[in-house]
Amino acid sequence: MLVDLVESLWERREKSPMWKQLHRHIIDQTYRKQWLVDHEDILLAIQQKKPDAARNAMWRHLENVKDTLLLLSEHQSPNFDGYLFSSNPVQIKI
């Protein structure tokens, strides 16, 4: 069931007009290395059965993604829709 859910999410992302448009403008792919480290941190916390660490690693990853996409986006454009970036930063318990 989890595999089906993840596959469905990836498929939806790949078909998303917003995601396609955003990635047409992104040339520098170095951000992906940080996201991979984020994923490794999430997986390690899950494997170690540390729910608080997994939750914090996931929130840290979501904030990294948001910050990266905002940095790489055309947020100075008058047509920029900042909806995805308008949430308050997540407070991480350390």
Protein backbone atom coordinates (compact mmCIF):
# COMPACT_ATOMS: atom_id res chain seq x y z
CA MET A 1 0.00 0.00 0.00
CA LEU A 2 2.83 2.41 0.86
CA VAL A 3 4.57 1.68 -2.45
CA ASP A 4 1.33 2.39 -4.33
CA LEU A 5 0.90 5.66 -2.44
CA VAL A 6 4.44 6.83 -3.23
CA GLU A 7 4.11 5.83 -6.88
CA SER A 8 0.84 7.74 -7.10
CA LEU A 9 2.40 10.84 -5.56
CA TRP A 10 5.35 10.73 -7.99
CA GLU A 11 3.02 10.27 -10.93
CA ARG A 12 0.90 13.23 -9.86
CA ARG A 13 4.01 15.36 -9.44
CA GLU A 14 5.31 14.43 -12.88
CA LYS A 15 1.98 15.36 -14.47
CA SER A 16 1.61 18.61 -12.53
CA PRO A 17 1.66 21.68 -14.82
CA MET A 18 3.04 23.77 -11.97
CA TRP A 19 5.93 21.36 -11.39
CA LYS A 20 6.72 21.16 -15.11
CA GLN A 21 6.72 24.93 -15.45
CA LEU A 22 8.96 25.38 -12.43
CA HIS A 23 11.50 22.84 -13.67
CA ARG A 24 11.71 24.47 -17.09
CA HIS A 25 13.42 27.38 -15.34
CA ILE A 26 15.74 25.39 -13.07
CA ILE A 27 19.11 24.76 -14.62
CA ASP A 28 21.28 24.33 -11.51
CA GLN A 29 20.58 20.88 -10.05
CA THR A 30 23.00 21.02 -7.09
CA TYR A 31 20.11 21.43 -4.67
CA ARG A 32 19.29 17.75 -5.26
CA LYS A 33 22.36 16.70 -3.24
CA GLN A 34 20.95 18.42 -0.15
CA TRP A 35 17.55 16.85 -0.72
CA LEU A 36 19.20 13.42 -0.93
CA VAL A 37 20.91 14.04 2.42
CA ASP A 38 17.53 15.09 3.80
CA HIS A 39 15.98 11.83 2.59
CA GLU A 40 18.81 9.82 4.16
CA ASP A 41 18.22 11.60 7.49
CA ILE A 42 14.50 10.80 7.33
CA LEU A 43 15.14 7.15 6.49
CA LEU A 44 17.76 6.76 9.23
CA ALA A 45 15.40 8.16 11.85
CA ILE A 46 12.65 5.78 10.70
CA GLN A 47 15.04 2.82 10.74
CA GLN A 48 16.15 3.76 14.26
CA LYS A 49 12.48 4.02 15.30
CA LYS A 50 12.86 7.63 16.42
CA PRO A 51 9.55 9.31 15.52
CA ASP A 52 10.53 12.77 16.79
CA ALA A 53 13.77 12.71 14.80
CA ALA A 54 11.90 11.48 11.70
CA ARG A 55 9.28 14.22 12.04
CA ASN A 56 11.96 16.89 12.51
CA ALA A 57 13.97 15.56 9.56
CA MET A 58 10.86 15.62 7.38
CA TRP A 59 9.98 19.19 8.37
CA ARG A 60 13.59 20.25 7.79
CA HIS A 61 13.39 18.69 4.33
CA LEU A 62 10.11 20.43 3.50
CA GLU A 63 11.59 23.77 4.57
CA ASN A 64 14.72 23.07 2.48
CA VAL A 65 12.54 22.29 -0.54
CA LYS A 66 10.43 25.41 -0.02
CA ASP A 67 13.50 27.63 0.42
CA THR A 68 15.22 26.13 -2.63
CA LEU A 69 12.19 26.44 -4.87
CA LEU A 70 11.66 30.02 -3.78
CA LEU A 71 15.31 30.82 -4.46
CA LEU A 72 15.17 29.21 -7.91
CA SER A 73 11.77 30.60 -8.84
CA GLU A 74 10.89 33.81 -10.59
CA HIS A 75 9.54 35.33 -7.40
CA GLN A 76 10.39 38.83 -8.62
CA SER A 77 8.02 38.44 -11.56
CA PRO A 78 4.70 40.32 -11.27
CA ASN A 79 2.96 37.09 -12.31
CA PHE A 80 4.51 35.04 -9.49
CA ASP A 81 1.96 33.18 -7.39
CA GLY A 82 3.52 32.96 -3.95
CA TYR A 83 0.81 30.72 -2.52
CA LEU A 84 3.14 27.73 -2.08
CA PHE A 85 5.66 29.85 -0.21
CA SER A 86 3.36 31.86 2.01
CA SER A 87 3.23 29.47 4.97
CA ASN A 88 5.04 30.25 8.18
CA PRO A 89 8.34 28.45 8.71
CA VAL A 90 8.02 25.28 10.72
CA GLN A 91 9.39 25.38 14.22
CA ILE A 92 11.67 22.38 14.70
CA LYS A 93 12.18 20.87 18.15
CA ILE A 94 15.81 19.90 18.63
